[in-house]
Each structure stands twice: as C-alpha cells, then as structure tokens.
C-alpha cells in the first residue's frame, strides 16, 4: 500500500479478453473475435509480465488469477507457459492460489485436466443460473445439464471450486430463489459468488430496459432476496466474507482478498489494472491496441499514476469496508501517514452507528449486515478524502 514494499507478497492478474459471445448483462472488458493468433498472444502476455516483474523485485506471488473474458478458451499450454514464467520471475508462496475463470461448457471442461496439469488449482465457473429459461435470458450458451456436468468434472479435477449465480432476475420470486440457492448449496462447493442482476451502462440489457423489453427487479424485492441469501448462506456455514462472496472458513479467495485488503497486485493483459508501490497502473483496453503497444514498447501500459496518501487511504477504505471483517483504521493511518480524522468522518460514523449500519470496535470499523444493503450510500458518507467528506 505504501512504496518500498520489497518482500511483501504480490498478486498477479492475467486478463484474457476473448469470449464466444457477449452476454447482455456484461460490462467487463470482453471481446468476440473470429480468430486469435494464439502464439502472438502468448508471446505478448509473457512480455507484459516480464516488464512488471522487472519493476517488482524481491516479491513472491501469493496468487495468480486468470480473468476475462473467458480464460478457459486460452490454450492450456499458454496457461502453463504463463505460470512457469511467473514462478521464474517472482517465485511462489508455498500455498499459492492459482485461479482460472471458466464457462461450464463441455468444450471448455474438456481442458480441465490439462489446466490442472499446468498448475491451476482453483477454478471459478460461470454457472449464473440453475434454470434453463433464465440461462437463455442471460445469454448463456450452456444449459443446466451441461453446467452440472462441468461442475462435477471441476470438483473431481481441481482442489478448490467456486461458481457464480445471478439472482434478483426479472420475475424471480422469493420461493424460486430459495429453491435455486438450496440446490446450489447441495453441490458442496466451499465458495459461492452470488450477485444481484444490475443493469450496467452500455450493455444490451440497458438498451432492452430502455425499450421496456423487461422490467428489472424492484429494489425492495431485491433487498428481500439479499437478506434471504445472507441468512441461507450463514445457516449453511458459508457466511458472506465480502458483500457478494460466501465461503467456508479457509475457502475465501485469497486473490480477491488482496484487492479488498488493498495489497499490491500487478495486472497484465488488455485493460488490466494494477496497484504496485503506491502506483496505479492501467493497460490499453482494446485487444488490438494492447498487443500493438506490447510490440512497440515491450509492455501494454497505457498509464502509470502515482497515488497520493489520501487517494490510497480512500481506496483502502472503499475496498476494505466491503469485507465482513472491515478495516483497521490505525493500520491504514500508519501506511498513509494520515490521522483518523483525515480518514473518516466521526460524526457520520456516529450517526450511522446509531442506525445499526456501522460498528466501530478497537479501531476496527465495519459495515453491519444491515448496512451492506445500503453500502453504496454508506461509503460516501464516512470516507474522507483531502480533508472533505465525499458524501453530501
């Protein structure tokens, strides 16, 4: 979080931008292409990685995350080459977590054994729904039968498995989501990511809502489904450790915890963000622009920005307060040189604490379960930047 963190663990994010098709809800940096020059992409990713490795000497990797896009479309030999290069550049922590996002199609599931041999030890499956009509609405190419076959194979192949579900879909009743979530819990995975459907700017769903093709879930109904989700997951022994992520003890995503705890990470590939030594890095977003930049400069960087103490403090608070554990205000103060008064608005904390939305104990500040329902409204009220509240 501060500069000069030689020796502190480091996380590596690798972005694979390609998908078979663009889902109507997706605003991620994903692209559909008729063909991909696999050799050129492997070479460019290796060059981008080498550039970051030269800037982060003396660090060991605690995690690698292949995100996308659909990285399960990446040839397993490319994943193997990237993992091997990462180990050469940095070295691995003994218990390194190496996650790859995958679609649960039979074609991609056929690569699971080779991906495990390459070093991937955790897979994140984009199931998204356990209902075929919902999968069609969400633009997914798989059906439930194919998804569950992929899940079975993943659980037999990888040490750790997680999958995503999207709820608060149009017309989804409380009873329907309760039954779907109960079925999901029956599969026995140690981690689930459960996201409410949001209509993101620039997506096909945004256009459809404007045309009145469908009506999004009512916010009050969505809140009821959120509370049901929290209660069911808590009861099943997979409480929310982050607003949308649930895990058994010890099964939390170590890579994502690096983000939320505001640790250092490097990002390579199109559009990838990074945070290293008080520097915010950003790669070119469009695949063609990124690969041209690598060929021209030896890396895909679009920008590097030195972050001020107040910027870093605000980011640490905004990320950390998503976690059930909250944030250690003293630690953030030590790492940024800022006082508590410069970090958070004490009056706002008192006011929101009296409403049961926040809790402060021994220098640790956390958002309560009730507050998580209103997280987007709570955070701007309490986080202070440059001596001013970012809220109204």
Foldseek 3Di string as FASTA:
>chain_A
DAFDPQQEAAEEEEEDAEACDDWQLDPDLHDHDPDDPLVLVLVLQLLQVVVVLVVHPRYAYQEYEYDYHACLVRQLVSLLVVVVSNCVSHNHDPNHAYEGEHELAPVSLVCLQSNVVSPHAEYEYAPAFQQQVVCVVRVHPDHNVSNVVSVVSNVVRHPAYEYEYEDQAFPQALVNVLVRVVVVVVVPGFKYFYHYRDRDPPGNVVVCVVVPVTDGHDLVRVLVSLVVVQVVLVVSQFHAQFSGMTGHPPRDDPNLVCQLQVHWYDYAAAQTWTAHNQKIWGFHSDRVQQSVCCVVPSHRTPDIDRHALLRSLLSNQLSNQRGQQADQQVVSCVSSVDDPLQFWPPVLQVVVVVVVQWDDDPRGIYGDPVVSSVVVQSSQRIGHGPNHRSHD
